Amino acid sequence: MPRQRPRPSEEREAARRALVERLKKARAERDKALEAAQKAIEEAEQKFWRAVGSEVKSYHGAQGDTAEFLDYTRDHVLKQVKKHQGGTA
């Protein structure tokens, strides 16, 4: 036999509204933290690829050596450097 839902009461409705408010607050805090984390990731990627961009210009053949060390293709290195330096590689 299926369970019946409890009858609505003012106390239950007040508890339900409070629950919804707490959940909204928790979701907003999570969204804010995830946004901050994504921003930190993007900043770290930009800083890393800018540093790589400086290094690949350090001597003839450095792009190949960099790609080998980082275990990326030369094309990937070039594209990431261009992406994070506004197209200058």
N, C-alpha and C. Protein backbone atom coordinates (compact mmCIF):
# COMPACT_ATOMS: atom_id res chain seq x y z
N MET A 1 0.85 -1.17 0.00
CA MET A 1 0.00 0.00 0.00
C MET A 1 0.90 1.24 0.00
N PRO A 2 0.65 2.18 -0.92
CA PRO A 2 1.50 3.37 -0.99
C PRO A 2 1.34 4.25 0.22
N ARG A 3 2.46 4.88 0.58
CA ARG A 3 2.42 5.79 1.73
C ARG A 3 1.70 7.07 1.34
N GLN A 4 0.96 7.58 2.24
CA GLN A 4 0.28 8.84 2.01
C GLN A 4 1.17 9.98 2.48
N ARG A 5 1.11 11.08 1.75
CA ARG A 5 1.87 12.25 2.14
C ARG A 5 1.21 12.87 3.36
N PRO A 6 2.00 13.44 4.23
CA PRO A 6 1.40 14.09 5.40
C PRO A 6 0.53 15.27 4.96
N ARG A 7 -0.45 15.54 5.73
CA ARG A 7 -1.33 16.66 5.43
C ARG A 7 -0.56 17.96 5.57
N PRO A 8 -0.85 18.91 4.68
CA PRO A 8 -0.15 20.19 4.78
C PRO A 8 -0.47 20.89 6.09
N SER A 9 0.54 21.49 6.64
CA SER A 9 0.34 22.27 7.86
C SER A 9 1.22 23.51 7.76
N GLU A 10 0.88 24.50 8.56
CA GLU A 10 1.68 25.72 8.54
C GLU A 10 3.12 25.45 8.96
N GLU A 11 3.29 24.57 9.93
CA GLU A 11 4.64 24.24 10.41
C GLU A 11 5.45 23.57 9.30
N ARG A 12 4.83 22.64 8.59
CA ARG A 12 5.51 21.94 7.51
C ARG A 12 5.84 22.91 6.37
N GLU A 13 4.92 23.78 6.03
CA GLU A 13 5.15 24.75 4.96
C GLU A 13 6.27 25.73 5.33
N ALA A 14 6.32 26.13 6.58
CA ALA A 14 7.39 27.02 7.04
C ALA A 14 8.73 26.30 6.95
N ALA A 15 8.75 25.04 7.35
CA ALA A 15 9.99 24.25 7.28
C ALA A 15 10.41 24.06 5.83
N ARG A 16 9.43 23.85 4.97
CA ARG A 16 9.72 23.67 3.54
C ARG A 16 10.30 24.96 2.94
N ARG A 17 9.73 26.10 3.27
CA ARG A 17 10.26 27.37 2.77
C ARG A 17 11.68 27.61 3.28
N ALA A 18 11.90 27.29 4.55
CA ALA A 18 13.25 27.46 5.12
C ALA A 18 14.24 26.53 4.41
N LEU A 19 13.82 25.30 4.13
CA LEU A 19 14.67 24.35 3.41
C LEU A 19 15.03 24.89 2.03
N VAL A 20 14.05 25.39 1.32
CA VAL A 20 14.29 25.93 -0.02
C VAL A 20 15.27 27.09 0.05
N GLU A 21 15.14 27.96 1.02
CA GLU A 21 16.06 29.10 1.16
C GLU A 21 17.49 28.63 1.45
N ARG A 22 17.62 27.64 2.33
CA ARG A 22 18.96 27.10 2.64
C ARG A 22 19.59 26.45 1.41
N LEU A 23 18.76 25.74 0.64
CA LEU A 23 19.27 25.09 -0.57
C LEU A 23 19.66 26.13 -1.63
N LYS A 24 18.90 27.20 -1.77
CA LYS A 24 19.25 28.27 -2.70
C LYS A 24 20.58 28.89 -2.31
N LYS A 25 20.76 29.12 -1.01
CA LYS A 25 22.01 29.72 -0.53
C LYS A 25 23.19 28.78 -0.79
N ALA A 26 23.00 27.49 -0.52
CA ALA A 26 24.07 26.51 -0.75
C ALA A 26 24.43 26.44 -2.23
N ARG A 27 23.41 26.47 -3.10
CA ARG A 27 23.66 26.41 -4.53
C ARG A 27 24.40 27.68 -4.99
N ALA A 28 24.01 28.83 -4.48
CA ALA A 28 24.67 30.08 -4.86
C ALA A 28 26.13 30.08 -4.41
N GLU A 29 26.40 29.57 -3.22
CA GLU A 29 27.79 29.48 -2.72
C GLU A 29 28.61 28.54 -3.58
N ARG A 30 28.01 27.40 -3.97
CA ARG A 30 28.72 26.45 -4.83
C ARG A 30 29.02 27.08 -6.18
N ASP A 31 28.03 27.74 -6.77
CA ASP A 31 28.23 28.37 -8.08
C ASP A 31 29.32 29.43 -8.02
N LYS A 32 29.34 30.20 -6.95
CA LYS A 32 30.37 31.22 -6.79
C LYS A 32 31.76 30.59 -6.67
N ALA A 33 31.85 29.51 -5.90
CA ALA A 33 33.13 28.82 -5.73
C ALA A 33 33.59 28.19 -7.04
N LEU A 34 32.67 27.60 -7.79
CA LEU A 34 33.04 27.01 -9.07
C LEU A 34 33.49 28.07 -10.07
N GLU A 35 32.85 29.21 -10.05
CA GLU A 35 33.24 30.30 -10.93
C GLU A 35 34.65 30.79 -10.58
N ALA A 36 34.93 30.91 -9.30
CA ALA A 36 36.27 31.34 -8.86
C ALA A 36 37.32 30.29 -9.25
N ALA A 37 36.97 29.03 -9.12
CA ALA A 37 37.90 27.96 -9.48
C ALA A 37 38.19 27.99 -10.98
N GLN A 38 37.15 28.19 -11.79
CA GLN A 38 37.34 28.25 -13.24
C GLN A 38 38.22 29.44 -13.62
N LYS A 39 38.00 30.55 -12.95
CA LYS A 39 38.82 31.73 -13.23
C LYS A 39 40.28 31.46 -12.87
N ALA A 40 40.51 30.79 -11.75
CA ALA A 40 41.88 30.46 -11.33
C ALA A 40 42.54 29.51 -12.34
N ILE A 41 41.79 28.56 -12.87
CA ILE A 41 42.32 27.64 -13.87
C ILE A 41 42.71 28.40 -15.12
N GLU A 42 41.83 29.29 -15.57
CA GLU A 42 42.11 30.07 -16.78
C GLU A 42 43.35 30.95 -16.59
N GLU A 43 43.49 31.56 -15.42
CA GLU A 43 44.65 32.39 -15.14
C GLU A 43 45.93 31.56 -15.12
N ALA A 44 45.86 30.37 -14.53
CA ALA A 44 47.04 29.49 -14.48
C ALA A 44 47.43 29.05 -15.87
N GLU A 45 46.45 28.70 -16.71
CA GLU A 45 46.74 28.30 -18.08
C GLU A 45 47.39 29.44 -18.86
N GLN A 46 46.86 30.64 -18.70
CA GLN A 46 47.42 31.78 -19.41
C GLN A 46 48.85 32.05 -18.97
N LYS A 47 49.09 32.01 -17.68
CA LYS A 47 50.45 32.24 -17.16
C LYS A 47 51.42 31.17 -17.68
N PHE A 48 50.98 29.92 -17.65
CA PHE A 48 51.82 28.81 -18.11
C PHE A 48 52.17 28.96 -19.59
N TRP A 49 51.15 29.19 -20.43
CA TRP A 49 51.41 29.25 -21.87
C TRP A 49 52.18 30.51 -22.26
N ARG A 50 52.05 31.56 -21.49
CA ARG A 50 52.88 32.74 -21.76
C ARG A 50 54.34 32.43 -21.45
N ALA A 51 54.58 31.72 -20.36
CA ALA A 51 55.94 31.31 -20.03
C ALA A 51 56.50 30.38 -21.10
N VAL A 52 55.68 29.45 -21.56
CA VAL A 52 56.10 28.54 -22.63
C VAL A 52 56.42 29.35 -23.89
N GLY A 53 55.57 30.34 -24.18
CA GLY A 53 55.79 31.18 -25.35
C GLY A 53 57.14 31.88 -25.31
N SER A 54 57.53 32.33 -24.14
CA SER A 54 58.85 32.97 -24.00
C SER A 54 59.96 31.96 -24.22
N GLU A 55 59.76 30.76 -23.72
CA GLU A 55 60.81 29.73 -23.84
C GLU A 55 60.98 29.22 -25.26
N VAL A 56 59.90 29.09 -26.02
CA VAL A 56 60.05 28.54 -27.37
C VAL A 56 60.82 29.47 -28.29
N LYS A 57 60.99 30.71 -27.88
CA LYS A 57 61.76 31.68 -28.66
C LYS A 57 63.22 31.75 -28.21
N SER A 58 63.58 30.98 -27.19
CA SER A 58 64.90 31.14 -26.59
C SER A 58 66.06 30.68 -27.49
N TYR A 59 65.84 29.71 -28.36
CA TYR A 59 66.88 29.28 -29.30
C TYR A 59 66.22 28.51 -30.44
N HIS A 60 66.94 28.37 -31.53
CA HIS A 60 66.40 27.66 -32.69
C HIS A 60 66.17 26.19 -32.30
N GLY A 61 64.96 25.72 -32.50
CA GLY A 61 64.63 24.33 -32.15
C GLY A 61 63.98 24.19 -30.78
N ALA A 62 63.84 25.29 -30.06
CA ALA A 62 63.27 25.21 -28.72
C ALA A 62 61.81 24.77 -28.73
N GLN A 63 61.08 25.12 -29.79
CA GLN A 63 59.67 24.71 -29.84
C GLN A 63 59.56 23.19 -29.89
N GLY A 64 60.39 22.55 -30.67
CA GLY A 64 60.39 21.09 -30.74
C GLY A 64 60.80 20.46 -29.41
N ASP A 65 61.83 21.02 -28.80
CA ASP A 65 62.28 20.51 -27.50
C ASP A 65 61.21 20.70 -26.43
N THR A 66 60.56 21.86 -26.47
CA THR A 66 59.49 22.15 -25.50
C THR A 66 58.35 21.16 -25.67
N ALA A 67 57.94 20.96 -26.92
CA ALA A 67 56.84 20.03 -27.19
C ALA A 67 57.19 18.62 -26.71
N GLU A 68 58.42 18.21 -26.95
CA GLU A 68 58.85 16.88 -26.53
C GLU A 68 58.82 16.75 -25.00
N PHE A 69 59.36 17.76 -24.32
CA PHE A 69 59.40 17.72 -22.86
C PHE A 69 58.00 17.72 -22.26
N LEU A 70 57.11 18.56 -22.80
CA LEU A 70 55.75 18.68 -22.25
C LEU A 70 54.83 17.56 -22.74
N ASP A 71 55.30 16.76 -23.68
CA ASP A 71 54.52 15.66 -24.25
C ASP A 71 53.28 16.17 -24.98
N TYR A 72 53.48 17.25 -25.75
CA TYR A 72 52.46 17.80 -26.64
C TYR A 72 53.04 17.80 -28.05
N THR A 73 52.19 17.98 -29.02
CA THR A 73 52.70 18.16 -30.38
C THR A 73 53.16 19.60 -30.53
N ARG A 74 54.04 19.84 -31.51
CA ARG A 74 54.50 21.21 -31.77
C ARG A 74 53.31 22.09 -32.14
N ASP A 75 52.37 21.53 -32.88
CA ASP A 75 51.19 22.29 -33.29
C ASP A 75 50.36 22.71 -32.07
N HIS A 76 50.21 21.80 -31.12
CA HIS A 76 49.44 22.14 -29.91
C HIS A 76 50.13 23.26 -29.12
N VAL A 77 51.43 23.15 -29.00
CA VAL A 77 52.19 24.19 -28.30
C VAL A 77 51.98 25.53 -28.99
N LEU A 78 52.13 25.55 -30.30
CA LEU A 78 51.97 26.79 -31.06
C LEU A 78 50.57 27.38 -30.88
N LYS A 79 49.56 26.53 -31.00
CA LYS A 79 48.17 27.00 -30.87
C LYS A 79 47.89 27.55 -29.47
N GLN A 80 48.38 26.88 -28.44
CA GLN A 80 48.13 27.33 -27.08
C GLN A 80 48.87 28.64 -26.80
N VAL A 81 50.09 28.76 -27.29
CA VAL A 81 50.84 29.99 -27.10
C VAL A 81 50.11 31.14 -27.79
N LYS A 82 49.68 30.92 -29.03
CA LYS A 82 48.94 31.96 -29.75
C LYS A 82 47.65 32.33 -29.03
N LYS A 83 46.94 31.33 -28.55
CA LYS A 83 45.67 31.56 -27.86
C LYS A 83 45.86 32.42 -26.61
N HIS A 84 46.91 32.15 -25.86
CA HIS A 84 47.09 32.83 -24.58
C HIS A 84 47.95 34.09 -24.67
N GLN A 85 48.51 34.35 -25.83
CA GLN A 85 49.28 35.58 -26.01
C GLN A 85 48.65 36.49 -27.04
N GLY A 86 47.42 36.23 -27.37
CA GLY A 86 46.73 37.09 -28.33
C GLY A 86 47.24 36.96 -29.75
N GLY A 87 47.79 35.79 -30.09
CA GLY A 87 48.20 35.54 -31.47
C GLY A 87 49.66 35.79 -31.78
N THR A 88 50.46 36.18 -30.79
CA THR A 88 51.88 36.39 -31.04
C THR A 88 52.66 35.22 -30.50
N ALA A 89 53.34 34.53 -31.38
CA ALA A 89 54.13 33.39 -30.94
C ALA A 89 55.52 33.45 -31.52
